[in-house]
Amino acid sequence: MDSPEEAESALLADLVRRRRSIRRFQNRCVPQELLRRALDMARWAPSGANRQAWHFVIVTDAQTRSDLATAARAALFDLNAHLREAPVVIVACSNPGVSKWHLYDVSAAIMCLLLALDALGLGACWVGMFDEKRVKELLAIPAALHVAALVPVGYTAEEPSPPPRLEVDEIAFWQRWGSRDPGGPPLPRTRFGRRGVPSVLGRALRNLISNALRRRR
C-alpha cells in the first residue's frame, strides 16, 4: 500500500502529465467560484523576494472576448480564435515597478493557474501572441504594467493526444554541461526546439481549415 506521500506524488504526476493546451470549448458558463479557487491556487506561486508582481483580469463579456481574439490575430492566421469561443479569458499581467523578476513571477503563477484549472475540471491554453497595446486599451490596464498572457478557459470540447516530449536524458546534464549520468544512454544530437515547429504549423493549418468550415455553415 502506498504511503500518503507516494499517493500525493502520484496524483501530482498524473495532473502534470495529463494537462493539455485546450483550444475548443463547450458553450457552457464557468462558475465564478471555480475561477476564484483557481486564482487562489495561482497566488501561491513562488516569486522573487515574495513581491508577487502579478495581477489578473477576468473577462466574460462576449464582445470583449471577441475583441481580444482580434487583438491576438497573427498576420494571415487566426491562430487564437479560441479566445472568442472560450466563455472566460484570464489576462495575466506583471508589474515591473514591483520587481525586476516580474516576468518569472507571473510565469510561475500562470503555470500554477493552468494546473489548478485542470484539477478543477476545466481546460485552458497559454496564449502569448497578441497586440499588447490593444489589449491594454480594451481592458484599461495601466501602461506601466506588462501583459504576459491571455488564458482562455472553459469546459473542454476536445481531448488532444499527448504532445511529444524530450526525454530526461536529452535535456539534463550532471555536474556540468554535456556530462551524462554514467549509467545513461549516449549523448544524442541536440534538437533545440525542433519538435515545436511542426506543432505550430500543424495548429495553424487546423485552424485555417476549421475557420473555413465554419464560414461555409
N, C-alpha and C. Protein backbone atom coordinates (compact mmCIF):
# COMPACT_ATOMS: atom_id res chain seq x y z
N MET A 1 0.84 -1.20 0.00
CA MET A 1 0.00 0.00 0.00
C MET A 1 0.88 1.26 0.00
N ASP A 2 0.56 2.20 -0.88
CA ASP A 2 1.35 3.41 -0.99
C ASP A 2 1.20 4.28 0.26
N SER A 3 2.28 4.96 0.61
CA SER A 3 2.23 5.90 1.71
C SER A 3 1.48 7.15 1.25
N PRO A 4 1.02 8.00 2.19
CA PRO A 4 0.35 9.25 1.79
C PRO A 4 1.22 10.11 0.89
N GLU A 5 2.54 10.13 1.16
CA GLU A 5 3.45 10.93 0.34
C GLU A 5 3.51 10.38 -1.08
N GLU A 6 3.57 9.04 -1.22
CA GLU A 6 3.63 8.43 -2.55
C GLU A 6 2.33 8.65 -3.30
N ALA A 7 1.20 8.60 -2.59
CA ALA A 7 -0.10 8.83 -3.24
C ALA A 7 -0.20 10.27 -3.75
N GLU A 8 0.26 11.22 -2.93
CA GLU A 8 0.24 12.62 -3.35
C GLU A 8 1.15 12.85 -4.55
N SER A 9 2.31 12.21 -4.53
CA SER A 9 3.26 12.33 -5.64
C SER A 9 2.65 11.78 -6.94
N ALA A 10 1.94 10.66 -6.83
CA ALA A 10 1.30 10.05 -8.00
C ALA A 10 0.20 10.96 -8.55
N LEU A 11 -0.56 11.58 -7.65
CA LEU A 11 -1.62 12.49 -8.09
C LEU A 11 -1.03 13.70 -8.82
N LEU A 12 0.06 14.24 -8.28
CA LEU A 12 0.70 15.39 -8.91
C LEU A 12 1.26 15.01 -10.27
N ALA A 13 1.91 13.85 -10.35
CA ALA A 13 2.47 13.40 -11.62
C ALA A 13 1.37 13.23 -12.67
N ASP A 14 0.23 12.68 -12.25
CA ASP A 14 -0.88 12.50 -13.17
C ASP A 14 -1.41 13.84 -13.65
N LEU A 15 -1.53 14.81 -12.75
CA LEU A 15 -2.02 16.13 -13.10
C LEU A 15 -1.11 16.82 -14.11
N VAL A 16 0.19 16.78 -13.85
CA VAL A 16 1.15 17.45 -14.73
C VAL A 16 1.15 16.80 -16.11
N ARG A 17 1.08 15.48 -16.16
CA ARG A 17 1.17 14.76 -17.44
C ARG A 17 -0.10 14.85 -18.27
N ARG A 18 -1.24 14.98 -17.61
CA ARG A 18 -2.49 14.96 -18.37
C ARG A 18 -2.89 16.36 -18.86
N ARG A 19 -2.29 17.41 -18.28
CA ARG A 19 -2.67 18.77 -18.69
C ARG A 19 -2.37 18.97 -20.17
N ARG A 20 -3.32 19.59 -20.87
CA ARG A 20 -3.17 19.87 -22.30
C ARG A 20 -3.53 21.32 -22.57
N SER A 21 -3.03 21.85 -23.67
CA SER A 21 -3.47 23.17 -24.13
C SER A 21 -4.78 22.97 -24.89
N ILE A 22 -5.86 23.50 -24.33
CA ILE A 22 -7.20 23.30 -24.87
C ILE A 22 -7.61 24.51 -25.70
N ARG A 23 -8.07 24.24 -26.93
CA ARG A 23 -8.47 25.32 -27.84
C ARG A 23 -9.90 25.17 -28.36
N ARG A 24 -10.62 24.19 -27.86
CA ARG A 24 -12.03 24.04 -28.20
C ARG A 24 -12.81 23.89 -26.90
N PHE A 25 -13.88 24.67 -26.78
CA PHE A 25 -14.60 24.73 -25.51
C PHE A 25 -16.10 24.51 -25.71
N GLN A 26 -16.73 23.96 -24.68
CA GLN A 26 -18.18 23.81 -24.68
C GLN A 26 -18.85 25.17 -24.48
N ASN A 27 -20.03 25.30 -25.02
CA ASN A 27 -20.82 26.52 -24.81
C ASN A 27 -21.50 26.41 -23.45
N ARG A 28 -20.74 26.64 -22.42
CA ARG A 28 -21.19 26.39 -21.05
C ARG A 28 -20.49 27.36 -20.10
N CYS A 29 -21.25 28.02 -19.27
CA CYS A 29 -20.68 29.01 -18.35
C CYS A 29 -19.81 28.34 -17.29
N VAL A 30 -18.78 29.05 -16.88
CA VAL A 30 -17.90 28.58 -15.81
C VAL A 30 -18.27 29.31 -14.52
N PRO A 31 -18.59 28.59 -13.46
CA PRO A 31 -18.94 29.25 -12.19
C PRO A 31 -17.81 30.14 -11.68
N GLN A 32 -18.17 31.30 -11.20
CA GLN A 32 -17.17 32.23 -10.68
C GLN A 32 -16.38 31.60 -9.54
N GLU A 33 -17.03 30.77 -8.75
CA GLU A 33 -16.36 30.14 -7.61
C GLU A 33 -15.18 29.29 -8.07
N LEU A 34 -15.32 28.58 -9.20
CA LEU A 34 -14.21 27.78 -9.71
C LEU A 34 -13.04 28.67 -10.12
N LEU A 35 -13.35 29.79 -10.75
CA LEU A 35 -12.30 30.71 -11.17
C LEU A 35 -11.57 31.28 -9.95
N ARG A 36 -12.33 31.61 -8.92
CA ARG A 36 -11.70 32.14 -7.70
C ARG A 36 -10.81 31.08 -7.05
N ARG A 37 -11.24 29.84 -7.07
CA ARG A 37 -10.43 28.77 -6.48
C ARG A 37 -9.14 28.58 -7.27
N ALA A 38 -9.22 28.66 -8.60
CA ALA A 38 -8.02 28.52 -9.42
C ALA A 38 -7.05 29.67 -9.18
N LEU A 39 -7.59 30.89 -9.10
CA LEU A 39 -6.75 32.05 -8.85
C LEU A 39 -6.15 32.00 -7.44
N ASP A 40 -6.89 31.44 -6.50
CA ASP A 40 -6.37 31.30 -5.15
C ASP A 40 -5.15 30.38 -5.13
N MET A 41 -5.18 29.34 -5.97
CA MET A 41 -4.02 28.45 -6.05
C MET A 41 -2.88 29.11 -6.81
N ALA A 42 -3.20 29.92 -7.82
CA ALA A 42 -2.16 30.59 -8.60
C ALA A 42 -1.34 31.55 -7.74
N ARG A 43 -1.99 32.18 -6.77
CA ARG A 43 -1.29 33.19 -5.96
C ARG A 43 -0.27 32.59 -5.02
N TRP A 44 -0.24 31.26 -4.91
CA TRP A 44 0.76 30.59 -4.07
C TRP A 44 2.02 30.25 -4.85
N ALA A 45 2.12 30.72 -6.09
CA ALA A 45 3.34 30.51 -6.87
C ALA A 45 4.51 31.23 -6.21
N PRO A 46 5.72 30.75 -6.43
CA PRO A 46 6.89 31.45 -5.88
C PRO A 46 7.14 32.75 -6.62
N SER A 47 7.73 33.72 -5.93
CA SER A 47 8.09 34.98 -6.58
C SER A 47 9.33 35.56 -5.91
N GLY A 48 10.12 36.29 -6.68
CA GLY A 48 11.35 36.86 -6.16
C GLY A 48 11.08 37.79 -4.98
N ALA A 49 11.72 37.51 -3.84
CA ALA A 49 11.55 38.30 -2.62
C ALA A 49 10.09 38.39 -2.19
N ASN A 50 9.28 37.44 -2.65
CA ASN A 50 7.84 37.39 -2.34
C ASN A 50 7.12 38.68 -2.73
N ARG A 51 7.55 39.29 -3.85
CA ARG A 51 6.94 40.54 -4.29
C ARG A 51 5.57 40.31 -4.94
N GLN A 52 5.33 39.10 -5.45
CA GLN A 52 4.02 38.75 -6.03
C GLN A 52 3.59 39.80 -7.07
N ALA A 53 4.44 39.99 -8.06
CA ALA A 53 4.25 41.06 -9.05
C ALA A 53 3.29 40.65 -10.16
N TRP A 54 2.11 40.20 -9.77
CA TRP A 54 1.14 39.74 -10.77
C TRP A 54 -0.26 40.28 -10.48
N HIS A 55 -1.03 40.41 -11.56
CA HIS A 55 -2.44 40.78 -11.49
C HIS A 55 -3.17 40.01 -12.58
N PHE A 56 -4.47 39.79 -12.38
CA PHE A 56 -5.27 39.05 -13.36
C PHE A 56 -6.56 39.80 -13.65
N VAL A 57 -6.92 39.87 -14.91
CA VAL A 57 -8.20 40.45 -15.32
C VAL A 57 -9.05 39.32 -15.88
N ILE A 58 -10.22 39.10 -15.30
CA ILE A 58 -11.10 38.01 -15.73
C ILE A 58 -12.17 38.59 -16.64
N VAL A 59 -12.20 38.10 -17.87
CA VAL A 59 -13.10 38.63 -18.89
C VAL A 59 -14.13 37.57 -19.27
N THR A 60 -15.42 37.91 -19.09
CA THR A 60 -16.50 37.01 -19.51
C THR A 60 -17.40 37.63 -20.56
N ASP A 61 -17.33 38.94 -20.74
CA ASP A 61 -18.17 39.63 -21.73
C ASP A 61 -17.83 39.15 -23.14
N ALA A 62 -18.85 38.75 -23.89
CA ALA A 62 -18.64 38.15 -25.21
C ALA A 62 -17.96 39.11 -26.19
N GLN A 63 -18.40 40.36 -26.21
CA GLN A 63 -17.82 41.32 -27.15
C GLN A 63 -16.35 41.59 -26.82
N THR A 64 -16.04 41.69 -25.55
CA THR A 64 -14.65 41.94 -25.16
C THR A 64 -13.77 40.74 -25.51
N ARG A 65 -14.30 39.54 -25.31
CA ARG A 65 -13.54 38.34 -25.68
C ARG A 65 -13.30 38.33 -27.19
N SER A 66 -14.29 38.72 -27.96
CA SER A 66 -14.13 38.79 -29.41
C SER A 66 -13.07 39.81 -29.79
N ASP A 67 -13.08 40.95 -29.11
CA ASP A 67 -12.07 41.98 -29.37
C ASP A 67 -10.67 41.49 -29.00
N LEU A 68 -10.57 40.73 -27.93
CA LEU A 68 -9.27 40.17 -27.55
C LEU A 68 -8.77 39.19 -28.60
N ALA A 69 -9.69 38.40 -29.15
CA ALA A 69 -9.31 37.45 -30.20
C ALA A 69 -8.79 38.20 -31.41
N THR A 70 -9.43 39.32 -31.74
CA THR A 70 -8.97 40.13 -32.86
C THR A 70 -7.58 40.70 -32.57
N ALA A 71 -7.36 41.12 -31.33
CA ALA A 71 -6.05 41.65 -30.94
C ALA A 71 -4.97 40.58 -30.96
N ALA A 72 -5.38 39.33 -30.96
CA ALA A 72 -4.42 38.22 -30.95
C ALA A 72 -4.27 37.56 -32.31
N ARG A 73 -4.85 38.14 -33.34
CA ARG A 73 -4.67 37.59 -34.68
C ARG A 73 -3.21 37.71 -35.08
N ALA A 74 -2.73 36.71 -35.79
CA ALA A 74 -1.34 36.70 -36.23
C ALA A 74 -1.27 36.77 -37.75
N ALA A 75 -1.07 37.96 -38.27
CA ALA A 75 -0.93 38.16 -39.70
C ALA A 75 -2.07 37.50 -40.46
N LEU A 76 -1.76 36.48 -41.28
CA LEU A 76 -2.79 35.83 -42.10
C LEU A 76 -3.55 34.76 -41.35
N PHE A 77 -3.06 34.36 -40.19
CA PHE A 77 -3.64 33.22 -39.50
C PHE A 77 -4.40 33.64 -38.26
N ASP A 78 -5.62 33.17 -38.14
CA ASP A 78 -6.42 33.41 -36.94
C ASP A 78 -6.13 32.28 -35.96
N LEU A 79 -4.90 32.30 -35.41
CA LEU A 79 -4.46 31.19 -34.56
C LEU A 79 -5.19 31.15 -33.23
N ASN A 80 -5.71 32.28 -32.80
CA ASN A 80 -6.25 32.36 -31.45
C ASN A 80 -7.75 32.62 -31.42
N ALA A 81 -8.47 32.03 -32.37
CA ALA A 81 -9.93 32.18 -32.39
C ALA A 81 -10.57 31.60 -31.14
N HIS A 82 -9.87 30.72 -30.45
CA HIS A 82 -10.43 30.12 -29.24
C HIS A 82 -10.62 31.15 -28.13
N LEU A 83 -9.95 32.30 -28.24
CA LEU A 83 -10.21 33.37 -27.27
C LEU A 83 -11.64 33.87 -27.39
N ARG A 84 -12.16 33.83 -28.58
CA ARG A 84 -13.53 34.28 -28.84
C ARG A 84 -14.54 33.23 -28.37
N GLU A 85 -14.19 31.98 -28.49
CA GLU A 85 -15.12 30.89 -28.21
C GLU A 85 -15.14 30.47 -26.74
N ALA A 86 -14.05 30.71 -26.03
CA ALA A 86 -14.00 30.33 -24.62
C ALA A 86 -14.93 31.23 -23.81
N PRO A 87 -15.64 30.70 -22.83
CA PRO A 87 -16.55 31.53 -22.03
C PRO A 87 -15.82 32.51 -21.10
N VAL A 88 -14.53 32.26 -20.86
CA VAL A 88 -13.74 33.11 -19.97
C VAL A 88 -12.35 33.30 -20.57
N VAL A 89 -11.82 34.52 -20.44
CA VAL A 89 -10.42 34.76 -20.76
C VAL A 89 -9.79 35.44 -19.55
N ILE A 90 -8.73 34.84 -19.03
CA ILE A 90 -7.99 35.44 -17.92
C ILE A 90 -6.74 36.10 -18.49
N VAL A 91 -6.61 37.39 -18.25
CA VAL A 91 -5.46 38.14 -18.76
C VAL A 91 -4.47 38.33 -17.61
N ALA A 92 -3.29 37.76 -17.77
CA ALA A 92 -2.28 37.80 -16.72
C ALA A 92 -1.31 38.95 -16.99
N CYS A 93 -1.11 39.77 -15.97
CA CYS A 93 -0.22 40.93 -16.08
C CYS A 93 0.87 40.86 -15.02
N SER A 94 2.00 41.48 -15.33
CA SER A 94 3.08 41.59 -14.34
C SER A 94 3.44 43.05 -14.15
N ASN A 95 4.03 43.35 -13.01
CA ASN A 95 4.33 44.74 -12.65
C ASN A 95 5.84 44.95 -12.52
N PRO A 96 6.47 45.55 -13.55
CA PRO A 96 7.91 45.79 -13.49
C PRO A 96 8.30 46.73 -12.36
N GLY A 97 7.38 47.57 -11.92
CA GLY A 97 7.69 48.51 -10.85
C GLY A 97 7.79 47.86 -9.49
N VAL A 98 7.28 46.65 -9.37
CA VAL A 98 7.31 45.94 -8.09
C VAL A 98 8.53 45.05 -7.97
N SER A 99 8.93 44.44 -9.10
CA SER A 99 10.05 43.51 -9.06
C SER A 99 10.71 43.40 -10.43
N LYS A 100 12.02 43.33 -10.43
CA LYS A 100 12.73 43.13 -11.70
C LYS A 100 12.58 41.69 -12.20
N TRP A 101 12.06 40.82 -11.35
CA TRP A 101 11.82 39.43 -11.73
C TRP A 101 10.34 39.20 -12.10
N HIS A 102 9.65 40.27 -12.44
CA HIS A 102 8.19 40.18 -12.65
C HIS A 102 7.79 39.14 -13.69
N LEU A 103 8.55 39.00 -14.77
CA LEU A 103 8.19 38.04 -15.81
C LEU A 103 8.31 36.60 -15.32
N TYR A 104 9.35 36.33 -14.53
CA TYR A 104 9.49 34.99 -13.95
C TYR A 104 8.34 34.71 -12.98
N ASP A 105 8.03 35.72 -12.19
CA ASP A 105 6.98 35.56 -11.17
C ASP A 105 5.63 35.24 -11.80
N VAL A 106 5.23 36.05 -12.77
CA VAL A 106 3.91 35.84 -13.37
C VAL A 106 3.87 34.54 -14.16
N SER A 107 5.00 34.15 -14.75
CA SER A 107 5.05 32.87 -15.48
C SER A 107 4.81 31.70 -14.53
N ALA A 108 5.41 31.76 -13.35
CA ALA A 108 5.18 30.71 -12.35
C ALA A 108 3.72 30.69 -11.93
N ALA A 109 3.12 31.87 -11.76
CA ALA A 109 1.72 31.95 -11.35
C ALA A 109 0.80 31.41 -12.45
N ILE A 110 1.13 31.68 -13.71
CA ILE A 110 0.31 31.18 -14.82
C ILE A 110 0.37 29.65 -14.87
N MET A 111 1.57 29.09 -14.65
CA MET A 111 1.67 27.63 -14.66
C MET A 111 0.84 27.02 -13.55
N CYS A 112 0.89 27.62 -12.36
CA CYS A 112 0.05 27.14 -11.26
C CYS A 112 -1.42 27.27 -11.61
N LEU A 113 -1.77 28.36 -12.29
CA LEU A 113 -3.16 28.57 -12.70
C LEU A 113 -3.62 27.49 -13.67
N LEU A 114 -2.79 27.16 -14.64
CA LEU A 114 -3.16 26.13 -15.62
C LEU A 114 -3.37 24.78 -14.94
N LEU A 115 -2.50 24.43 -14.02
CA LEU A 115 -2.65 23.16 -13.31
C LEU A 115 -3.89 23.16 -12.43
N ALA A 116 -4.14 24.30 -11.78
CA ALA A 116 -5.32 24.40 -10.92
C ALA A 116 -6.60 24.27 -11.74
N LEU A 117 -6.65 24.92 -12.89
CA LEU A 117 -7.84 24.83 -13.74
C LEU A 117 -8.09 23.39 -14.18
N ASP A 118 -7.02 22.69 -14.54
CA ASP A 118 -7.18 21.29 -14.93
C ASP A 118 -7.69 20.45 -13.77
N ALA A 119 -7.15 20.69 -12.59
CA ALA A 119 -7.59 19.94 -11.41
C ALA A 119 -9.05 20.19 -11.09
N LEU A 120 -9.57 21.35 -11.49
CA LEU A 120 -10.97 21.70 -11.24
C LEU A 120 -11.89 21.30 -12.39
N GLY A 121 -11.35 20.55 -13.35
CA GLY A 121 -12.17 20.05 -14.44
C GLY A 121 -12.34 21.01 -15.61
N LEU A 122 -11.44 22.00 -15.71
CA LEU A 122 -11.53 22.99 -16.78
C LEU A 122 -10.33 22.88 -17.71
N GLY A 123 -10.51 23.36 -18.94
CA GLY A 123 -9.42 23.40 -19.90
C GLY A 123 -8.96 24.83 -20.09
N ALA A 124 -7.71 24.99 -20.52
CA ALA A 124 -7.16 26.32 -20.71
C ALA A 124 -5.99 26.25 -21.67
N CYS A 125 -5.53 27.42 -22.10
CA CYS A 125 -4.40 27.48 -23.03
C CYS A 125 -3.64 28.78 -22.79
N TRP A 126 -2.34 28.71 -22.81
CA TRP A 126 -1.48 29.89 -22.64
C TRP A 126 -1.29 30.54 -23.99
N VAL A 127 -1.80 31.73 -24.19
CA VAL A 127 -1.65 32.47 -25.44
C VAL A 127 -0.67 33.62 -25.23
N GLY A 128 0.39 33.65 -26.00
CA GLY A 128 1.40 34.68 -25.83
C GLY A 128 1.56 35.60 -27.03
N MET A 129 0.75 35.38 -28.08
CA MET A 129 0.84 36.20 -29.29
C MET A 129 -0.35 37.14 -29.36
N PHE A 130 -0.11 38.43 -29.16
CA PHE A 130 -1.21 39.40 -29.18
C PHE A 130 -0.63 40.82 -29.25
N ASP A 131 -1.49 41.76 -29.58
CA ASP A 131 -1.13 43.18 -29.61
C ASP A 131 -1.29 43.72 -28.20
N GLU A 132 -0.19 43.85 -27.48
CA GLU A 132 -0.26 44.24 -26.07
C GLU A 132 -0.92 45.61 -25.89
N LYS A 133 -0.58 46.54 -26.76
CA LYS A 133 -1.16 47.89 -26.64
C LYS A 133 -2.68 47.84 -26.76
N ARG A 134 -3.17 47.05 -27.72
CA ARG A 134 -4.62 46.94 -27.92
C ARG A 134 -5.29 46.25 -26.73
N VAL A 135 -4.65 45.23 -26.19
CA VAL A 135 -5.22 44.54 -25.02
C VAL A 135 -5.32 45.51 -23.84
N LYS A 136 -4.32 46.32 -23.64
CA LYS A 136 -4.35 47.29 -22.56
C LYS A 136 -5.49 48.29 -22.76
N GLU A 137 -5.68 48.73 -23.99
CA GLU A 137 -6.76 49.68 -24.29
C GLU A 137 -8.12 49.06 -24.01
N LEU A 138 -8.30 47.81 -24.41
CA LEU A 138 -9.59 47.14 -24.23
C LEU A 138 -9.96 46.97 -22.77
N LEU A 139 -8.95 46.72 -21.93
CA LEU A 139 -9.21 46.37 -20.53
C LEU A 139 -8.81 47.46 -19.54
N ALA A 140 -8.40 48.61 -20.05
CA ALA A 140 -7.99 49.74 -19.20
C ALA A 140 -6.85 49.34 -18.27
N ILE A 141 -5.93 48.54 -18.77
CA ILE A 141 -4.77 48.12 -17.98
C ILE A 141 -3.75 49.26 -17.97
N PRO A 142 -3.23 49.63 -16.82
CA PRO A 142 -2.25 50.72 -16.75
C PRO A 142 -1.05 50.49 -17.67
N ALA A 143 -0.57 51.56 -18.27
CA ALA A 143 0.53 51.47 -19.23
C ALA A 143 1.80 50.89 -18.60
N ALA A 144 2.00 51.10 -17.31
CA ALA A 144 3.23 50.64 -16.65
C ALA A 144 3.28 49.12 -16.48
N LEU A 145 2.14 48.45 -16.61
CA LEU A 145 2.12 47.00 -16.44
C LEU A 145 2.48 46.30 -17.75
N HIS A 146 2.84 45.04 -17.63
CA HIS A 146 3.15 44.21 -18.79
C HIS A 146 2.10 43.12 -18.91
N VAL A 147 1.51 42.97 -20.09
CA VAL A 147 0.55 41.89 -20.31
C VAL A 147 1.35 40.65 -20.72
N ALA A 148 1.33 39.65 -19.87
CA ALA A 148 2.17 38.47 -20.07
C ALA A 148 1.47 37.37 -20.88
N ALA A 149 0.16 37.21 -20.70
CA ALA A 149 -0.53 36.10 -21.37
C ALA A 149 -2.03 36.31 -21.35
N LEU A 150 -2.68 35.73 -22.35
CA LEU A 150 -4.13 35.61 -22.38
C LEU A 150 -4.44 34.13 -22.21
N VAL A 151 -5.32 33.81 -21.29
CA VAL A 151 -5.61 32.41 -20.98
C VAL A 151 -7.10 32.13 -21.17
N PRO A 152 -7.51 31.58 -22.32
CA PRO A 152 -8.90 31.19 -22.49
C PRO A 152 -9.22 29.99 -21.60
N VAL A 153 -10.39 30.02 -20.99
CA VAL A 153 -10.77 28.99 -20.01
C VAL A 153 -12.19 28.52 -20.28
N GLY A 154 -12.43 27.24 -20.10
CA GLY A 154 -13.78 26.71 -20.24
C GLY A 154 -13.79 25.20 -20.07
N TYR A 155 -14.97 24.63 -20.19
CA TYR A 155 -15.09 23.17 -20.18
C TYR A 155 -14.65 22.66 -21.54
N THR A 156 -13.74 21.72 -21.55
CA THR A 156 -13.13 21.29 -22.79
C THR A 156 -14.09 20.56 -23.73
N ALA A 157 -13.89 20.80 -25.02
CA ALA A 157 -14.67 20.11 -26.05
C ALA A 157 -13.75 19.30 -26.95
N GLU A 158 -12.55 18.98 -26.45
CA GLU A 158 -11.61 18.17 -27.21
C GLU A 158 -10.74 17.39 -26.24
N GLU A 159 -10.09 16.36 -26.77
CA GLU A 159 -9.16 15.56 -25.98
C GLU A 159 -7.88 15.39 -26.77
N PRO A 160 -7.00 16.41 -26.74
CA PRO A 160 -5.76 16.33 -27.52
C PRO A 160 -4.89 15.16 -27.06
N SER A 161 -4.19 14.57 -28.01
CA SER A 161 -3.27 13.49 -27.67
C SER A 161 -2.02 14.07 -27.02
N PRO A 162 -1.30 13.27 -26.27
CA PRO A 162 -0.09 13.78 -25.60
C PRO A 162 0.92 14.30 -26.62
N PRO A 163 1.44 15.50 -26.43
CA PRO A 163 2.45 16.03 -27.36
C PRO A 163 3.79 15.36 -27.12
N PRO A 164 4.66 15.34 -28.14
CA PRO A 164 5.98 14.73 -27.93
C PRO A 164 6.79 15.53 -26.93
N ARG A 165 7.57 14.85 -26.15
CA ARG A 165 8.42 15.48 -25.15
C ARG A 165 9.82 14.86 -25.22
N LEU A 166 10.84 15.68 -25.07
CA LEU A 166 12.20 15.17 -24.98
C LEU A 166 12.34 14.38 -23.69
N GLU A 167 13.16 13.34 -23.72
CA GLU A 167 13.39 12.53 -22.54
C GLU A 167 14.31 13.27 -21.57
N VAL A 168 14.28 12.85 -20.30
CA VAL A 168 15.11 13.49 -19.28
C VAL A 168 16.57 13.49 -19.70
N ASP A 169 17.05 12.36 -20.26
CA ASP A 169 18.46 12.26 -20.63
C ASP A 169 18.81 13.09 -21.85
N GLU A 170 17.80 13.69 -22.50
CA GLU A 170 18.07 14.58 -23.62
C GLU A 170 18.14 16.04 -23.17
N ILE A 171 17.69 16.34 -21.95
CA ILE A 171 17.66 17.74 -21.51
C ILE A 171 18.48 17.99 -20.25
N ALA A 172 18.92 16.91 -19.58
CA ALA A 172 19.58 17.09 -18.28
C ALA A 172 21.03 16.61 -18.34
N PHE A 173 21.90 17.43 -17.77
CA PHE A 173 23.30 17.06 -17.63
C PHE A 173 23.63 16.95 -16.15
N TRP A 174 24.69 16.22 -15.84
CA TRP A 174 25.08 16.02 -14.45
C TRP A 174 26.44 16.67 -14.20
N GLN A 175 26.48 17.54 -13.22
CA GLN A 175 27.69 18.23 -12.77
C GLN A 175 28.15 19.35 -13.71
N ARG A 176 28.09 19.14 -15.04
CA ARG A 176 28.50 20.16 -15.99
C ARG A 176 27.84 19.90 -17.34
N TRP A 177 27.80 20.92 -18.19
CA TRP A 177 27.13 20.80 -19.49
C TRP A 177 27.77 19.67 -20.30
N GLY A 178 26.90 18.83 -20.88
CA GLY A 178 27.37 17.75 -21.74
C GLY A 178 27.74 16.49 -21.00
N SER A 179 27.73 16.53 -19.67
CA SER A 179 28.11 15.35 -18.89
C SER A 179 26.87 14.54 -18.56
N ARG A 180 26.84 13.30 -19.00
CA ARG A 180 25.70 12.42 -18.80
C ARG A 180 25.86 11.56 -17.55
N ASP A 181 24.73 11.11 -17.06
CA ASP A 181 24.74 10.11 -16.00
C ASP A 181 25.54 8.91 -16.50
N PRO A 182 26.56 8.47 -15.76
CA PRO A 182 27.38 7.35 -16.24
C PRO A 182 26.58 6.14 -16.69
N GLY A 183 25.42 5.93 -16.09
CA GLY A 183 24.63 4.77 -16.47
C GLY A 183 23.61 5.05 -17.55
N GLY A 184 23.60 6.31 -18.06
CA GLY A 184 22.60 6.70 -19.04
C GLY A 184 23.02 6.40 -20.47
N PRO A 185 22.13 6.75 -21.44
CA PRO A 185 22.42 6.49 -22.85
C PRO A 185 23.45 7.47 -23.39
N PRO A 186 24.02 7.20 -24.57
CA PRO A 186 24.99 8.12 -25.15
C PRO A 186 24.34 9.46 -25.49
N LEU A 187 25.14 10.51 -25.60
CA LEU A 187 24.66 11.85 -25.87
C LEU A 187 24.03 11.92 -27.26
N PRO A 188 22.73 12.27 -27.36
CA PRO A 188 22.10 12.38 -28.67
C PRO A 188 22.43 13.71 -29.32
N ARG A 189 22.10 13.86 -30.59
CA ARG A 189 22.27 15.15 -31.24
C ARG A 189 21.32 16.15 -30.61
N THR A 190 21.79 17.38 -30.45
CA THR A 190 20.95 18.42 -29.85
C THR A 190 19.80 18.76 -30.79
N ARG A 191 18.60 18.87 -30.21
CA ARG A 191 17.41 19.15 -31.02
C ARG A 191 16.66 20.35 -30.47
N PHE A 192 17.36 21.42 -30.18
CA PHE A 192 16.76 22.57 -29.52
C PHE A 192 15.48 23.00 -30.23
N GLY A 193 14.33 22.71 -29.61
CA GLY A 193 13.05 23.22 -30.10
C GLY A 193 12.57 22.65 -31.41
N ARG A 194 13.27 21.67 -31.98
CA ARG A 194 12.90 21.20 -33.31
C ARG A 194 11.49 20.64 -33.35
N ARG A 195 11.07 19.99 -32.26
CA ARG A 195 9.74 19.38 -32.26
C ARG A 195 8.63 20.41 -32.17
N GLY A 196 8.95 21.62 -31.74
CA GLY A 196 7.91 22.62 -31.59
C GLY A 196 7.40 23.19 -32.89
N VAL A 197 8.25 23.19 -33.94
CA VAL A 197 7.87 23.83 -35.20
C VAL A 197 6.70 23.12 -35.88
N PRO A 198 6.75 21.79 -36.08
CA PRO A 198 5.61 21.13 -36.70
C PRO A 198 4.32 21.33 -35.94
N SER A 199 4.39 21.41 -34.62
CA SER A 199 3.20 21.60 -33.81
C SER A 199 2.53 22.93 -34.13
N VAL A 200 3.32 24.02 -34.23
CA VAL A 200 2.77 25.34 -34.52
C VAL A 200 2.19 25.37 -35.92
N LEU A 201 2.92 24.83 -36.90
CA LEU A 201 2.43 24.84 -38.27
C LEU A 201 1.18 23.98 -38.42
N GLY A 202 1.19 22.85 -37.72
CA GLY A 202 0.02 21.98 -37.78
C GLY A 202 -1.20 22.65 -37.20
N ARG A 203 -1.02 23.37 -36.08
CA ARG A 203 -2.16 24.07 -35.47
C ARG A 203 -2.68 25.16 -36.39
N ALA A 204 -1.77 25.88 -37.05
CA ALA A 204 -2.19 26.93 -37.98
C ALA A 204 -3.03 26.35 -39.10
N LEU A 205 -2.59 25.20 -39.63
CA LEU A 205 -3.34 24.56 -40.71
C LEU A 205 -4.70 24.09 -40.23
N ARG A 206 -4.76 23.50 -39.02
CA ARG A 206 -6.03 23.03 -38.49
C ARG A 206 -7.00 24.19 -38.28
N ASN A 207 -6.48 25.31 -37.78
CA ASN A 207 -7.35 26.47 -37.56
C ASN A 207 -7.88 27.04 -38.86
N LEU A 208 -7.03 27.08 -39.89
CA LEU A 208 -7.48 27.57 -41.19
C LEU A 208 -8.61 26.72 -41.75
N ILE A 209 -8.44 25.41 -41.65
CA ILE A 209 -9.48 24.50 -42.14
C ILE A 209 -10.76 24.64 -41.31
N SER A 210 -10.59 24.69 -39.98
CA SER A 210 -11.75 24.82 -39.09
C SER A 210 -12.52 26.10 -39.36
N ASN A 211 -11.81 27.23 -39.52
CA ASN A 211 -12.47 28.51 -39.78
C ASN A 211 -13.16 28.52 -41.12
N ALA A 212 -12.56 27.88 -42.11
CA ALA A 212 -13.18 27.81 -43.44
C ALA A 212 -14.47 27.02 -43.39
N LEU A 213 -14.47 25.92 -42.61
CA LEU A 213 -15.68 25.12 -42.48
C LEU A 213 -16.78 25.89 -41.77
N ARG A 214 -16.43 26.66 -40.74
CA ARG A 214 -17.42 27.46 -40.03
C ARG A 214 -18.08 28.47 -40.96
N ARG A 215 -17.26 29.12 -41.80
CA ARG A 215 -17.82 30.12 -42.70
C ARG A 215 -18.78 29.53 -43.72
N ARG A 216 -18.59 28.26 -44.06
CA ARG A 216 -19.46 27.60 -45.05
C ARG A 216 -20.78 27.18 -44.47
N ARG A 217 -20.85 27.09 -43.13
CA ARG A 217 -22.09 26.61 -42.49
C ARG A 217 -23.15 27.71 -42.47
